[in-house]
């Protein structure tokens, strides 16, 4: 049952960047080994895209028929997998324990999570191709779309529009937040990319902290299909 409320867009708030980094780190460090292990799993899951097609005579890589199929399958399930970061971050933010299996809770809401990623991705792509700036606007504006699906049980369009209208109020502040997150991951990529094992999940925890402060978490996770 959805707990989504359209009144969310009427909220007034301040973007507290420093607080979100602090709160995000607090969330991350509660289960740092699990976050890192899941990140390793996601990275390893992409290896077959490069190495499995070759024995099939497809030549390997995404441009091969085999590689194309594997890439398609991964792209379909990727939103549900990456949503696992939010499921665990929200669980920890609620003061509850989390186990590794919670990272796969995204498959319980596979369709709305997939549609949110697909439709927002298409709109962002169109915006980037046409004038660039509309695409950048939407990248920032849709920041809370997936969290709204996961936490409030909103459908994909409700989540996208609510996120867009809510974030547009303080768009430049959120742009600054995402710029800092980008720089964090840039630094994380320098030592042979090993730092990304920490900065990628930490980044999601930062966004989860912002969502927790601005939107507010349900006391229990929404269940859906």
N, C-alpha and C. Protein backbone atom coordinates (compact mmCIF):
# COMPACT_ATOMS: atom_id res chain seq x y z
N UNK A 1 0.84 -1.20 0.00
CA UNK A 1 0.00 0.00 0.00
C UNK A 1 0.88 1.25 0.00
N UNK A 2 0.57 2.16 -0.91
CA UNK A 2 1.40 3.36 -1.05
C UNK A 2 1.12 4.36 0.05
N UNK A 3 2.18 5.01 0.53
CA UNK A 3 2.03 6.10 1.51
C UNK A 3 2.41 7.43 0.86
N UNK A 4 2.40 7.43 -0.47
CA UNK A 4 2.78 8.63 -1.20
C UNK A 4 1.75 9.74 -0.99
N UNK A 5 2.22 10.96 -0.77
CA UNK A 5 1.34 12.12 -0.61
C UNK A 5 1.77 13.22 -1.55
N UNK A 6 0.86 13.72 -2.40
CA UNK A 6 1.21 14.81 -3.32
C UNK A 6 1.57 16.10 -2.60
N UNK A 7 1.25 16.20 -1.30
CA UNK A 7 1.57 17.40 -0.53
C UNK A 7 3.07 17.58 -0.32
N UNK A 8 3.85 16.56 -0.66
CA UNK A 8 5.30 16.65 -0.50
C UNK A 8 5.89 17.85 -1.24
N UNK A 9 5.30 18.18 -2.38
CA UNK A 9 5.86 19.26 -3.20
C UNK A 9 5.69 20.63 -2.55
N UNK A 10 4.83 20.72 -1.55
CA UNK A 10 4.58 22.00 -0.89
C UNK A 10 5.53 22.26 0.27
N UNK A 11 6.41 21.32 0.56
CA UNK A 11 7.30 21.47 1.71
C UNK A 11 8.36 22.54 1.47
N UNK A 12 8.65 23.27 2.53
CA UNK A 12 9.76 24.21 2.50
C UNK A 12 10.93 23.56 3.24
N UNK A 13 12.13 23.80 2.77
CA UNK A 13 13.28 23.13 3.37
C UNK A 13 14.56 23.87 3.03
N UNK A 14 15.62 23.49 3.71
CA UNK A 14 16.96 23.98 3.42
C UNK A 14 17.84 22.78 3.07
N UNK A 15 18.77 22.98 2.16
CA UNK A 15 19.71 21.93 1.77
C UNK A 15 20.96 22.07 2.64
N UNK A 16 21.19 21.09 3.50
CA UNK A 16 22.29 21.13 4.47
C UNK A 16 23.39 20.17 4.04
N UNK A 17 24.21 20.62 3.11
CA UNK A 17 25.20 19.75 2.47
C UNK A 17 26.12 19.09 3.49
N UNK A 18 26.67 19.86 4.40
CA UNK A 18 27.58 19.31 5.39
C UNK A 18 26.92 18.25 6.25
N UNK A 19 25.67 18.51 6.64
CA UNK A 19 24.94 17.54 7.46
C UNK A 19 24.72 16.23 6.70
N UNK A 20 24.47 16.34 5.40
CA UNK A 20 24.20 15.13 4.61
C UNK A 20 25.45 14.27 4.46
N UNK A 21 26.60 14.92 4.32
CA UNK A 21 27.84 14.15 4.27
C UNK A 21 28.10 13.46 5.61
N UNK A 22 27.86 14.17 6.70
CA UNK A 22 28.08 13.59 8.03
C UNK A 22 27.11 12.45 8.30
N UNK A 23 25.83 12.68 8.02
CA UNK A 23 24.81 11.66 8.23
C UNK A 23 25.02 10.48 7.28
N UNK A 24 25.41 10.78 6.04
CA UNK A 24 25.67 9.71 5.09
C UNK A 24 26.79 8.81 5.54
N UNK A 25 27.85 9.41 6.09
CA UNK A 25 28.97 8.61 6.59
C UNK A 25 28.54 7.77 7.79
N UNK A 26 27.70 8.36 8.63
CA UNK A 26 27.18 7.63 9.80
C UNK A 26 26.39 6.40 9.36
N UNK A 27 25.58 6.56 8.31
CA UNK A 27 24.81 5.43 7.78
C UNK A 27 25.74 4.40 7.16
N UNK A 28 26.67 4.85 6.34
CA UNK A 28 27.58 3.95 5.63
C UNK A 28 28.40 3.10 6.59
N UNK A 29 28.96 3.72 7.61
CA UNK A 29 29.91 3.00 8.46
C UNK A 29 29.22 1.95 9.34
N UNK A 30 27.89 2.03 9.47
CA UNK A 30 27.18 1.01 10.24
C UNK A 30 27.31 -0.37 9.60
N UNK A 31 27.36 -0.39 8.27
CA UNK A 31 27.48 -1.66 7.56
C UNK A 31 28.45 -1.50 6.39
N UNK A 32 29.58 -0.86 6.64
CA UNK A 32 30.57 -0.63 5.58
C UNK A 32 30.98 -1.92 4.87
N UNK A 33 31.25 -3.02 5.59
CA UNK A 33 31.64 -4.26 4.89
C UNK A 33 30.57 -4.74 3.91
N UNK A 34 29.29 -4.64 4.30
CA UNK A 34 28.22 -5.08 3.40
C UNK A 34 28.13 -4.17 2.17
N UNK A 35 28.23 -2.86 2.38
CA UNK A 35 28.19 -1.92 1.25
C UNK A 35 29.34 -2.20 0.28
N UNK A 36 30.53 -2.41 0.81
CA UNK A 36 31.69 -2.66 -0.04
C UNK A 36 31.55 -3.98 -0.77
N UNK A 37 31.09 -5.02 -0.08
CA UNK A 37 30.91 -6.33 -0.70
C UNK A 37 29.90 -6.27 -1.83
N UNK A 38 28.80 -5.54 -1.62
CA UNK A 38 27.78 -5.43 -2.66
C UNK A 38 28.32 -4.66 -3.86
N UNK A 39 29.12 -3.63 -3.61
CA UNK A 39 29.72 -2.87 -4.71
C UNK A 39 30.66 -3.75 -5.52
N UNK A 40 31.44 -4.57 -4.85
CA UNK A 40 32.31 -5.53 -5.54
C UNK A 40 31.47 -6.46 -6.40
N UNK A 41 30.35 -6.94 -5.85
CA UNK A 41 29.47 -7.84 -6.58
C UNK A 41 28.93 -7.18 -7.84
N UNK A 42 28.50 -5.92 -7.73
CA UNK A 42 27.99 -5.21 -8.90
C UNK A 42 29.05 -5.05 -9.98
N UNK A 43 30.27 -4.75 -9.57
CA UNK A 43 31.36 -4.60 -10.54
C UNK A 43 31.69 -5.93 -11.19
N UNK A 44 31.72 -7.00 -10.40
CA UNK A 44 32.01 -8.32 -10.95
C UNK A 44 30.91 -8.80 -11.89
N UNK A 45 29.68 -8.37 -11.62
CA UNK A 45 28.55 -8.78 -12.47
C UNK A 45 28.69 -8.26 -13.89
N UNK A 46 29.49 -7.22 -14.07
CA UNK A 46 29.67 -6.65 -15.41
C UNK A 46 30.79 -7.33 -16.20
N UNK A 47 31.60 -8.13 -15.51
CA UNK A 47 32.71 -8.81 -16.19
C UNK A 47 32.22 -9.73 -17.30
N UNK A 48 31.15 -10.52 -17.10
CA UNK A 48 30.69 -11.40 -18.18
C UNK A 48 30.33 -10.67 -19.46
N UNK A 49 29.99 -9.37 -19.36
CA UNK A 49 29.67 -8.61 -20.57
C UNK A 49 30.85 -8.59 -21.53
N UNK A 50 32.06 -8.75 -20.99
CA UNK A 50 33.27 -8.68 -21.81
C UNK A 50 33.87 -10.04 -22.11
N UNK A 51 33.74 -11.00 -21.16
CA UNK A 51 34.50 -12.24 -21.35
C UNK A 51 33.67 -13.43 -21.81
N UNK A 52 32.36 -13.43 -21.57
CA UNK A 52 31.57 -14.60 -21.95
C UNK A 52 31.28 -14.72 -23.44
N UNK A 53 31.03 -13.63 -24.17
CA UNK A 53 30.70 -13.79 -25.59
C UNK A 53 31.83 -14.39 -26.42
N UNK A 54 33.10 -14.16 -26.04
CA UNK A 54 34.22 -14.60 -26.86
C UNK A 54 34.23 -16.10 -27.13
N UNK A 55 34.03 -16.97 -26.14
CA UNK A 55 34.02 -18.41 -26.42
C UNK A 55 32.88 -18.82 -27.34
N UNK A 56 31.86 -17.97 -27.45
CA UNK A 56 30.73 -18.29 -28.31
C UNK A 56 30.99 -17.89 -29.75
N UNK A 57 32.17 -17.34 -30.01
CA UNK A 57 32.52 -16.95 -31.37
C UNK A 57 31.98 -15.60 -31.75
N UNK A 58 31.54 -14.84 -30.75
CA UNK A 58 30.96 -13.53 -31.03
C UNK A 58 32.01 -12.44 -31.03
N UNK A 59 33.23 -12.78 -30.63
CA UNK A 59 34.30 -11.79 -30.67
C UNK A 59 34.43 -11.00 -29.40
N UNK A 60 33.48 -11.14 -28.47
CA UNK A 60 33.57 -10.43 -27.19
C UNK A 60 33.14 -8.99 -27.31
N UNK A 61 32.87 -8.39 -26.17
CA UNK A 61 32.54 -6.97 -26.12
C UNK A 61 31.06 -6.72 -26.33
N UNK A 62 30.65 -5.50 -26.07
CA UNK A 62 29.24 -5.13 -26.16
C UNK A 62 28.75 -5.08 -27.60
N UNK A 63 29.64 -4.89 -28.58
CA UNK A 63 29.22 -4.76 -29.96
C UNK A 63 28.89 -6.10 -30.59
N UNK A 64 29.27 -7.18 -29.95
CA UNK A 64 28.96 -8.51 -30.48
C UNK A 64 27.53 -8.87 -30.14
N UNK A 65 26.92 -9.83 -30.91
CA UNK A 65 25.55 -10.25 -30.60
C UNK A 65 25.40 -10.75 -29.18
N UNK A 66 26.35 -11.61 -28.75
CA UNK A 66 26.29 -12.13 -27.39
C UNK A 66 26.45 -11.04 -26.37
N UNK A 67 27.40 -10.16 -26.63
CA UNK A 67 27.62 -9.05 -25.72
C UNK A 67 26.41 -8.14 -25.62
N UNK A 68 25.73 -7.95 -26.77
CA UNK A 68 24.54 -7.11 -26.78
C UNK A 68 23.43 -7.68 -25.92
N UNK A 69 23.24 -9.00 -25.99
CA UNK A 69 22.20 -9.65 -25.19
C UNK A 69 22.50 -9.52 -23.70
N UNK A 70 23.76 -9.81 -23.35
CA UNK A 70 24.15 -9.72 -21.94
C UNK A 70 24.03 -8.30 -21.42
N UNK A 71 24.42 -7.35 -22.26
CA UNK A 71 24.31 -5.94 -21.86
C UNK A 71 22.86 -5.55 -21.64
N UNK A 72 21.98 -6.01 -22.54
CA UNK A 72 20.55 -5.71 -22.41
C UNK A 72 20.00 -6.27 -21.10
N UNK A 73 20.32 -7.52 -20.82
CA UNK A 73 19.84 -8.16 -19.59
C UNK A 73 20.33 -7.40 -18.36
N UNK A 74 21.62 -7.05 -18.37
CA UNK A 74 22.17 -6.34 -17.21
C UNK A 74 21.51 -4.98 -17.05
N UNK A 75 21.30 -4.27 -18.17
CA UNK A 75 20.68 -2.94 -18.08
C UNK A 75 19.25 -3.01 -17.55
N UNK A 76 18.56 -4.12 -17.83
CA UNK A 76 17.19 -4.28 -17.35
C UNK A 76 17.16 -4.48 -15.84
N UNK A 77 18.09 -5.29 -15.33
CA UNK A 77 18.08 -5.60 -13.89
C UNK A 77 18.90 -4.61 -13.06
N UNK A 78 19.73 -3.81 -13.71
CA UNK A 78 20.61 -2.89 -12.98
C UNK A 78 19.87 -1.92 -12.06
N UNK A 79 18.74 -1.31 -12.49
CA UNK A 79 18.05 -0.39 -11.58
C UNK A 79 17.61 -1.07 -10.28
N UNK A 80 17.11 -2.31 -10.38
CA UNK A 80 16.68 -3.03 -9.18
C UNK A 80 17.88 -3.35 -8.29
N UNK A 81 19.01 -3.66 -8.91
CA UNK A 81 20.21 -3.96 -8.13
C UNK A 81 20.73 -2.71 -7.41
N UNK A 82 20.87 -1.62 -8.15
CA UNK A 82 21.42 -0.40 -7.54
C UNK A 82 20.45 0.19 -6.52
N UNK A 83 19.15 -0.08 -6.69
CA UNK A 83 18.18 0.37 -5.69
C UNK A 83 18.44 -0.27 -4.34
N UNK A 84 19.15 -1.39 -4.35
CA UNK A 84 19.48 -2.06 -3.10
C UNK A 84 20.25 -1.18 -2.14
N UNK A 85 21.07 -0.29 -2.68
CA UNK A 85 21.80 0.66 -1.82
C UNK A 85 20.82 1.47 -0.98
N UNK A 86 19.75 1.95 -1.62
CA UNK A 86 18.77 2.77 -0.90
C UNK A 86 18.00 1.95 0.12
N UNK A 87 17.62 0.73 -0.25
CA UNK A 87 16.90 -0.12 0.70
C UNK A 87 17.70 -0.29 1.99
N UNK A 88 18.98 -0.59 1.85
CA UNK A 88 19.82 -0.81 3.02
C UNK A 88 20.08 0.51 3.76
N UNK A 89 20.37 1.57 3.02
CA UNK A 89 20.63 2.87 3.66
C UNK A 89 19.41 3.34 4.45
N UNK A 90 18.22 3.19 3.87
CA UNK A 90 17.00 3.59 4.57
C UNK A 90 16.76 2.73 5.81
N UNK A 91 17.03 1.44 5.68
CA UNK A 91 16.85 0.54 6.82
C UNK A 91 17.76 0.96 7.98
N UNK A 92 18.99 1.27 7.66
CA UNK A 92 19.94 1.70 8.70
C UNK A 92 19.56 3.07 9.26
N UNK A 93 19.07 3.96 8.40
CA UNK A 93 18.65 5.29 8.85
C UNK A 93 17.47 5.20 9.81
N UNK A 94 16.66 4.15 9.65
CA UNK A 94 15.52 3.94 10.56
C UNK A 94 15.96 3.36 11.90
N UNK A 95 17.26 3.07 12.01
CA UNK A 95 17.76 2.50 13.25
C UNK A 95 17.57 1.01 13.34
N UNK A 96 17.41 0.37 12.18
CA UNK A 96 17.19 -1.07 12.16
C UNK A 96 18.40 -1.78 11.56
N UNK A 97 18.47 -3.06 11.79
CA UNK A 97 19.60 -3.84 11.26
C UNK A 97 19.36 -4.15 9.79
N UNK A 98 20.43 -4.48 9.10
CA UNK A 98 20.34 -4.84 7.68
C UNK A 98 21.22 -6.05 7.43
N UNK A 99 20.78 -6.89 6.51
CA UNK A 99 21.56 -8.06 6.11
C UNK A 99 21.83 -7.96 4.62
N UNK A 100 22.76 -8.78 4.14
CA UNK A 100 23.17 -8.68 2.74
C UNK A 100 22.00 -8.88 1.78
N UNK A 101 21.07 -9.75 2.15
CA UNK A 101 19.92 -10.00 1.28
C UNK A 101 19.06 -8.78 1.04
N UNK A 102 19.13 -7.79 1.93
CA UNK A 102 18.33 -6.57 1.76
C UNK A 102 18.74 -5.79 0.52
N UNK A 103 19.96 -6.00 0.04
CA UNK A 103 20.39 -5.31 -1.17
C UNK A 103 19.59 -5.75 -2.40
N UNK A 104 18.87 -6.85 -2.29
CA UNK A 104 18.11 -7.37 -3.43
C UNK A 104 16.62 -7.10 -3.28
N UNK A 105 16.25 -6.24 -2.34
CA UNK A 105 14.85 -5.88 -2.15
C UNK A 105 14.28 -5.11 -3.34
N UNK A 106 15.15 -4.57 -4.17
CA UNK A 106 14.69 -3.84 -5.34
C UNK A 106 13.86 -4.69 -6.28
N UNK A 107 14.08 -6.00 -6.26
CA UNK A 107 13.32 -6.89 -7.14
C UNK A 107 11.88 -7.04 -6.67
N UNK A 108 11.59 -6.67 -5.42
CA UNK A 108 10.20 -6.67 -4.94
C UNK A 108 9.40 -5.51 -5.52
N UNK A 109 10.11 -4.51 -6.04
CA UNK A 109 9.47 -3.37 -6.70
C UNK A 109 10.07 -3.18 -8.08
N UNK A 110 10.31 -4.30 -8.73
CA UNK A 110 11.06 -4.27 -9.99
C UNK A 110 10.44 -3.33 -11.02
N UNK A 111 9.14 -3.46 -11.28
CA UNK A 111 8.52 -2.70 -12.37
C UNK A 111 8.57 -1.19 -12.15
N UNK A 112 8.11 -0.66 -11.01
CA UNK A 112 8.19 0.80 -10.85
C UNK A 112 9.62 1.33 -10.81
N UNK A 113 10.53 0.55 -10.24
CA UNK A 113 11.94 0.97 -10.22
C UNK A 113 12.50 1.00 -11.64
N UNK A 114 12.19 -0.04 -12.42
CA UNK A 114 12.68 -0.10 -13.80
C UNK A 114 12.08 1.03 -14.64
N UNK A 115 10.77 1.25 -14.51
CA UNK A 115 10.13 2.30 -15.30
C UNK A 115 10.65 3.69 -14.93
N UNK A 116 10.91 3.90 -13.66
CA UNK A 116 11.48 5.19 -13.23
C UNK A 116 12.83 5.42 -13.88
N UNK A 117 13.67 4.38 -13.86
CA UNK A 117 15.00 4.50 -14.47
C UNK A 117 14.90 4.67 -15.98
N UNK A 118 14.00 3.92 -16.61
CA UNK A 118 13.87 3.96 -18.07
C UNK A 118 13.35 5.31 -18.55
N UNK A 119 12.23 5.74 -17.99
CA UNK A 119 11.60 6.98 -18.46
C UNK A 119 12.45 8.20 -18.12
N UNK A 120 12.98 8.26 -16.91
CA UNK A 120 13.83 9.39 -16.55
C UNK A 120 15.09 9.40 -17.40
N UNK A 121 15.64 8.20 -17.68
CA UNK A 121 16.83 8.11 -18.53
C UNK A 121 16.57 8.61 -19.93
N UNK A 122 15.41 8.26 -20.49
CA UNK A 122 15.05 8.71 -21.84
C UNK A 122 14.91 10.23 -21.87
N UNK A 123 14.20 10.79 -20.89
CA UNK A 123 14.00 12.24 -20.85
C UNK A 123 15.32 12.99 -20.65
N UNK A 124 16.18 12.45 -19.80
CA UNK A 124 17.49 13.07 -19.60
C UNK A 124 18.30 13.02 -20.88
N UNK A 125 18.26 11.87 -21.57
CA UNK A 125 19.01 11.72 -22.83
C UNK A 125 18.52 12.73 -23.87
N UNK A 126 17.19 12.86 -23.99
CA UNK A 126 16.63 13.82 -24.95
C UNK A 126 17.08 15.24 -24.59
N UNK A 127 17.03 15.56 -23.31
CA UNK A 127 17.44 16.89 -22.87
C UNK A 127 18.90 17.18 -23.15
N UNK A 128 19.76 16.16 -22.97
CA UNK A 128 21.19 16.34 -23.24
C UNK A 128 21.46 16.48 -24.72
N UNK A 129 20.74 15.71 -25.54
CA UNK A 129 20.95 15.75 -26.99
C UNK A 129 20.49 17.08 -27.57
N UNK A 130 19.35 17.57 -27.11
CA UNK A 130 18.78 18.78 -27.69
C UNK A 130 19.56 20.04 -27.30
N UNK A 131 19.67 20.30 -26.02
CA UNK A 131 20.28 21.56 -25.60
C UNK A 131 21.26 21.41 -24.44
N UNK A 132 21.50 20.20 -23.99
CA UNK A 132 22.40 19.89 -22.88
C UNK A 132 21.84 20.37 -21.53
N UNK A 133 21.53 21.65 -21.42
CA UNK A 133 21.08 22.19 -20.14
C UNK A 133 19.81 21.54 -19.61
N UNK A 134 18.79 21.28 -20.47
CA UNK A 134 17.61 20.58 -19.94
C UNK A 134 17.95 19.21 -19.37
N UNK A 135 18.91 18.53 -19.99
CA UNK A 135 19.33 17.23 -19.49
C UNK A 135 19.99 17.34 -18.14
N UNK A 136 20.85 18.34 -17.97
CA UNK A 136 21.51 18.56 -16.68
C UNK A 136 20.48 18.90 -15.62
N UNK A 137 19.50 19.72 -16.01
CA UNK A 137 18.42 20.07 -15.07
C UNK A 137 17.72 18.81 -14.57
N UNK A 138 17.39 17.89 -15.49
CA UNK A 138 16.65 16.70 -15.11
C UNK A 138 17.49 15.72 -14.30
N UNK A 139 18.79 15.63 -14.60
CA UNK A 139 19.67 14.75 -13.81
C UNK A 139 19.57 15.11 -12.33
N UNK A 140 19.59 16.40 -12.06
CA UNK A 140 19.49 16.87 -10.67
C UNK A 140 18.06 16.72 -10.15
N UNK A 141 17.10 17.12 -10.98
CA UNK A 141 15.70 17.17 -10.53
C UNK A 141 15.12 15.80 -10.20
N UNK A 142 15.62 14.76 -10.84
CA UNK A 142 15.09 13.42 -10.60
C UNK A 142 15.84 12.68 -9.49
N UNK A 143 16.62 13.38 -8.71
CA UNK A 143 17.46 12.76 -7.69
C UNK A 143 16.66 11.92 -6.69
N UNK A 144 15.46 12.38 -6.34
CA UNK A 144 14.66 11.69 -5.35
C UNK A 144 13.63 10.74 -5.97
N UNK A 145 13.65 10.56 -7.28
CA UNK A 145 12.63 9.73 -7.92
C UNK A 145 12.67 8.28 -7.42
N UNK A 146 13.85 7.65 -7.50
CA UNK A 146 13.94 6.27 -7.04
C UNK A 146 13.66 6.15 -5.54
N UNK A 147 14.21 7.02 -4.70
CA UNK A 147 13.88 6.93 -3.27
C UNK A 147 12.38 7.04 -2.98
N UNK A 148 11.65 7.85 -3.75
CA UNK A 148 10.21 7.97 -3.54
C UNK A 148 9.48 6.69 -3.90
N UNK A 149 9.95 6.00 -4.92
CA UNK A 149 9.37 4.70 -5.28
C UNK A 149 9.64 3.69 -4.17
N UNK A 150 10.88 3.69 -3.70
CA UNK A 150 11.32 2.71 -2.71
C UNK A 150 10.68 2.95 -1.35
N UNK A 151 10.67 4.19 -0.90
CA UNK A 151 10.21 4.50 0.46
C UNK A 151 8.72 4.76 0.56
N UNK A 152 8.16 5.45 -0.43
CA UNK A 152 6.75 5.86 -0.35
C UNK A 152 5.82 4.99 -1.18
N UNK A 153 6.37 4.14 -2.04
CA UNK A 153 5.52 3.32 -2.89
C UNK A 153 4.87 4.11 -4.01
N UNK A 154 5.45 5.24 -4.40
CA UNK A 154 4.91 6.05 -5.49
C UNK A 154 5.09 5.32 -6.81
N UNK A 155 4.19 5.58 -7.78
CA UNK A 155 4.43 5.03 -9.11
C UNK A 155 5.50 5.88 -9.80
N UNK A 156 5.98 5.42 -10.94
CA UNK A 156 7.16 6.05 -11.54
C UNK A 156 6.93 7.51 -11.90
N UNK A 157 5.76 7.85 -12.45
CA UNK A 157 5.53 9.23 -12.86
C UNK A 157 5.30 10.14 -11.66
N UNK A 158 4.57 9.65 -10.67
CA UNK A 158 4.41 10.42 -9.42
C UNK A 158 5.77 10.73 -8.82
N UNK A 159 6.62 9.72 -8.77
CA UNK A 159 7.94 9.89 -8.16
C UNK A 159 8.78 10.89 -8.94
N UNK A 160 8.76 10.79 -10.26
CA UNK A 160 9.56 11.68 -11.09
C UNK A 160 9.09 13.13 -10.96
N UNK A 161 7.79 13.33 -11.04
CA UNK A 161 7.25 14.69 -10.99
C UNK A 161 7.39 15.30 -9.59
N UNK A 162 7.16 14.49 -8.57
CA UNK A 162 7.31 15.01 -7.21
C UNK A 162 8.76 15.39 -6.94
N UNK A 163 9.68 14.53 -7.35
CA UNK A 163 11.10 14.82 -7.19
C UNK A 163 11.47 16.10 -7.93
N UNK A 164 10.99 16.21 -9.17
CA UNK A 164 11.34 17.38 -9.99
C UNK A 164 10.82 18.67 -9.36
N UNK A 165 9.56 18.67 -8.95
CA UNK A 165 8.98 19.88 -8.38
C UNK A 165 9.59 20.23 -7.03
N UNK A 166 9.89 19.22 -6.23
CA UNK A 166 10.46 19.46 -4.91
C UNK A 166 11.89 19.99 -5.02
N UNK A 167 12.69 19.36 -5.87
CA UNK A 167 14.10 19.73 -5.98
C UNK A 167 14.29 21.04 -6.73
N UNK A 168 13.38 21.35 -7.65
CA UNK A 168 13.49 22.60 -8.41
C UNK A 168 13.51 23.82 -7.49
N UNK A 169 12.86 23.72 -6.34
CA UNK A 169 12.84 24.84 -5.38
C UNK A 169 14.25 25.24 -4.96
N UNK A 170 15.13 24.25 -4.86
CA UNK A 170 16.51 24.51 -4.42
C UNK A 170 17.48 23.85 -5.41
N UNK A 171 17.20 23.99 -6.69
CA UNK A 171 17.93 23.23 -7.71
C UNK A 171 19.44 23.48 -7.64
N UNK A 172 19.84 24.71 -7.52
CA UNK A 172 21.28 25.01 -7.53
C UNK A 172 21.98 24.45 -6.30
N UNK A 173 21.29 24.38 -5.19
CA UNK A 173 21.88 23.76 -3.99
C UNK A 173 22.09 22.27 -4.22
N UNK A 174 21.11 21.62 -4.85
CA UNK A 174 21.26 20.20 -5.16
C UNK A 174 22.34 19.97 -6.23
N UNK A 175 22.43 20.90 -7.17
CA UNK A 175 23.49 20.80 -8.17
C UNK A 175 24.85 20.84 -7.49
N UNK A 176 25.00 21.73 -6.53
CA UNK A 176 26.25 21.80 -5.77
C UNK A 176 26.52 20.52 -5.00
N UNK A 177 25.46 19.94 -4.41
CA UNK A 177 25.61 18.68 -3.68
C UNK A 177 26.09 17.57 -4.61
N UNK A 178 25.48 17.47 -5.79
CA UNK A 178 25.88 16.42 -6.74
C UNK A 178 27.28 16.67 -7.28
N UNK A 179 27.65 17.93 -7.43
CA UNK A 179 29.00 18.25 -7.89
C UNK A 179 30.03 17.77 -6.86
N UNK A 180 29.75 17.97 -5.59
CA UNK A 180 30.65 17.50 -4.54
C UNK A 180 30.71 15.97 -4.52
N UNK A 181 29.57 15.33 -4.75
CA UNK A 181 29.55 13.86 -4.81
C UNK A 181 30.37 13.37 -6.00
N UNK A 182 30.26 14.08 -7.13
CA UNK A 182 31.07 13.72 -8.31
C UNK A 182 32.55 13.84 -7.99
N UNK A 183 32.93 14.93 -7.35
CA UNK A 183 34.34 15.12 -6.99
C UNK A 183 34.81 14.05 -6.01
N UNK A 184 33.94 13.66 -5.10
CA UNK A 184 34.26 12.58 -4.15
C UNK A 184 34.59 11.29 -4.90
N UNK A 185 33.79 10.96 -5.89
CA UNK A 185 34.02 9.73 -6.65
C UNK A 185 35.21 9.87 -7.60
N UNK A 186 35.47 11.08 -8.07
CA UNK A 186 36.65 11.31 -8.89
C UNK A 186 37.91 11.01 -8.09
N UNK A 187 37.94 11.50 -6.87
CA UNK A 187 39.07 11.21 -5.98
C UNK A 187 39.13 9.72 -5.68
N UNK A 188 37.97 9.10 -5.48
CA UNK A 188 37.93 7.68 -5.19
C UNK A 188 38.45 6.82 -6.32
N UNK A 189 38.35 7.34 -7.55
CA UNK A 189 38.80 6.57 -8.72
C UNK A 189 40.31 6.66 -8.94
N UNK A 190 40.97 7.61 -8.27
CA UNK A 190 42.40 7.82 -8.52
C UNK A 190 43.25 6.63 -8.11
N UNK A 191 43.10 6.07 -6.90
CA UNK A 191 43.97 4.94 -6.52
C UNK A 191 43.51 3.63 -7.15
N UNK A 192 43.70 3.51 -8.47
CA UNK A 192 43.33 2.30 -9.22
C UNK A 192 41.84 1.99 -9.11
N UNK A 193 41.05 2.99 -8.80
CA UNK A 193 39.61 2.80 -8.69
C UNK A 193 39.16 2.13 -7.40
N UNK A 194 40.11 1.76 -6.54
CA UNK A 194 39.75 1.04 -5.32
C UNK A 194 38.92 1.90 -4.37
N UNK A 195 39.16 3.19 -4.40
CA UNK A 195 38.40 4.08 -3.53
C UNK A 195 36.92 4.10 -3.85
N UNK A 196 36.57 3.72 -5.10
CA UNK A 196 35.16 3.71 -5.49
C UNK A 196 34.36 2.68 -4.70
N UNK A 197 35.04 1.67 -4.19
CA UNK A 197 34.34 0.67 -3.38
C UNK A 197 33.74 1.30 -2.13
N UNK A 198 34.32 2.41 -1.73
CA UNK A 198 33.80 3.16 -0.59
C UNK A 198 32.95 4.34 -1.05
N UNK A 199 33.45 5.11 -2.03
CA UNK A 199 32.76 6.35 -2.39
C UNK A 199 31.43 6.12 -3.09
N UNK A 200 31.28 5.02 -3.84
CA UNK A 200 30.00 4.77 -4.52
C UNK A 200 28.88 4.55 -3.50
N UNK A 201 29.02 3.58 -2.57
CA UNK A 201 27.94 3.43 -1.58
C UNK A 201 27.81 4.63 -0.65
N UNK A 202 28.92 5.26 -0.31
CA UNK A 202 28.87 6.46 0.53
C UNK A 202 28.05 7.54 -0.15
N UNK A 203 28.22 7.68 -1.46
CA UNK A 203 27.46 8.68 -2.22
C UNK A 203 25.96 8.45 -2.10
N UNK A 204 25.55 7.19 -2.22
CA UNK A 204 24.12 6.87 -2.10
C UNK A 204 23.63 7.18 -0.68
N UNK A 205 24.47 6.91 0.30
CA UNK A 205 24.10 7.21 1.69
C UNK A 205 23.95 8.71 1.91
N UNK A 206 24.74 9.51 1.22
CA UNK A 206 24.61 10.98 1.30
C UNK A 206 23.25 11.40 0.76
N UNK A 207 22.88 10.85 -0.40
CA UNK A 207 21.58 11.18 -1.00
C UNK A 207 20.45 10.68 -0.10
N UNK A 208 20.63 9.50 0.48
CA UNK A 208 19.62 8.96 1.40
C UNK A 208 19.45 9.88 2.60
N UNK A 209 20.55 10.45 3.08
CA UNK A 209 20.49 11.38 4.21
C UNK A 209 19.73 12.65 3.84
N UNK A 210 19.96 13.13 2.62
CA UNK A 210 19.23 14.32 2.14
C UNK A 210 17.74 14.02 2.04
N UNK A 211 17.42 12.86 1.51
CA UNK A 211 16.02 12.44 1.39
C UNK A 211 15.38 12.32 2.77
N UNK A 212 16.10 11.72 3.70
CA UNK A 212 15.59 11.55 5.06
C UNK A 212 15.26 12.90 5.69
N UNK A 213 16.11 13.89 5.48
CA UNK A 213 15.92 15.21 6.07
C UNK A 213 14.79 15.98 5.40
N UNK A 214 14.73 15.93 4.09
CA UNK A 214 13.80 16.77 3.34
C UNK A 214 12.42 16.14 3.19
N UNK A 215 12.38 14.86 2.86
CA UNK A 215 11.11 14.17 2.63
C UNK A 215 10.64 13.45 3.88
N UNK A 216 11.57 12.77 4.55
CA UNK A 216 11.22 11.98 5.73
C UNK A 216 10.97 10.54 5.36
N UNK A 217 11.47 9.62 6.17
CA UNK A 217 11.33 8.20 5.90
C UNK A 217 10.08 7.63 6.53
N UNK A 218 9.45 6.68 5.83
CA UNK A 218 8.40 5.89 6.46
C UNK A 218 9.00 5.09 7.61
N UNK A 219 8.19 4.79 8.61
CA UNK A 219 8.69 4.00 9.74
C UNK A 219 9.01 2.57 9.33
N UNK A 220 8.32 2.11 8.27
CA UNK A 220 8.60 0.78 7.72
C UNK A 220 8.72 0.91 6.22
N UNK A 221 9.44 -0.02 5.60
CA UNK A 221 9.62 0.01 4.15
C UNK A 221 8.31 -0.36 3.46
N UNK A 222 8.02 0.30 2.34
CA UNK A 222 6.86 -0.06 1.54
C UNK A 222 7.11 -1.38 0.84
N UNK A 223 6.07 -2.18 0.71
CA UNK A 223 6.17 -3.45 0.00
C UNK A 223 5.40 -3.32 -1.29
N UNK A 224 5.99 -3.77 -2.38
CA UNK A 224 5.31 -3.69 -3.65
C UNK A 224 5.89 -4.65 -4.64
N UNK A 225 5.30 -4.65 -5.84
CA UNK A 225 5.75 -5.55 -6.90
C UNK A 225 6.34 -4.73 -8.03
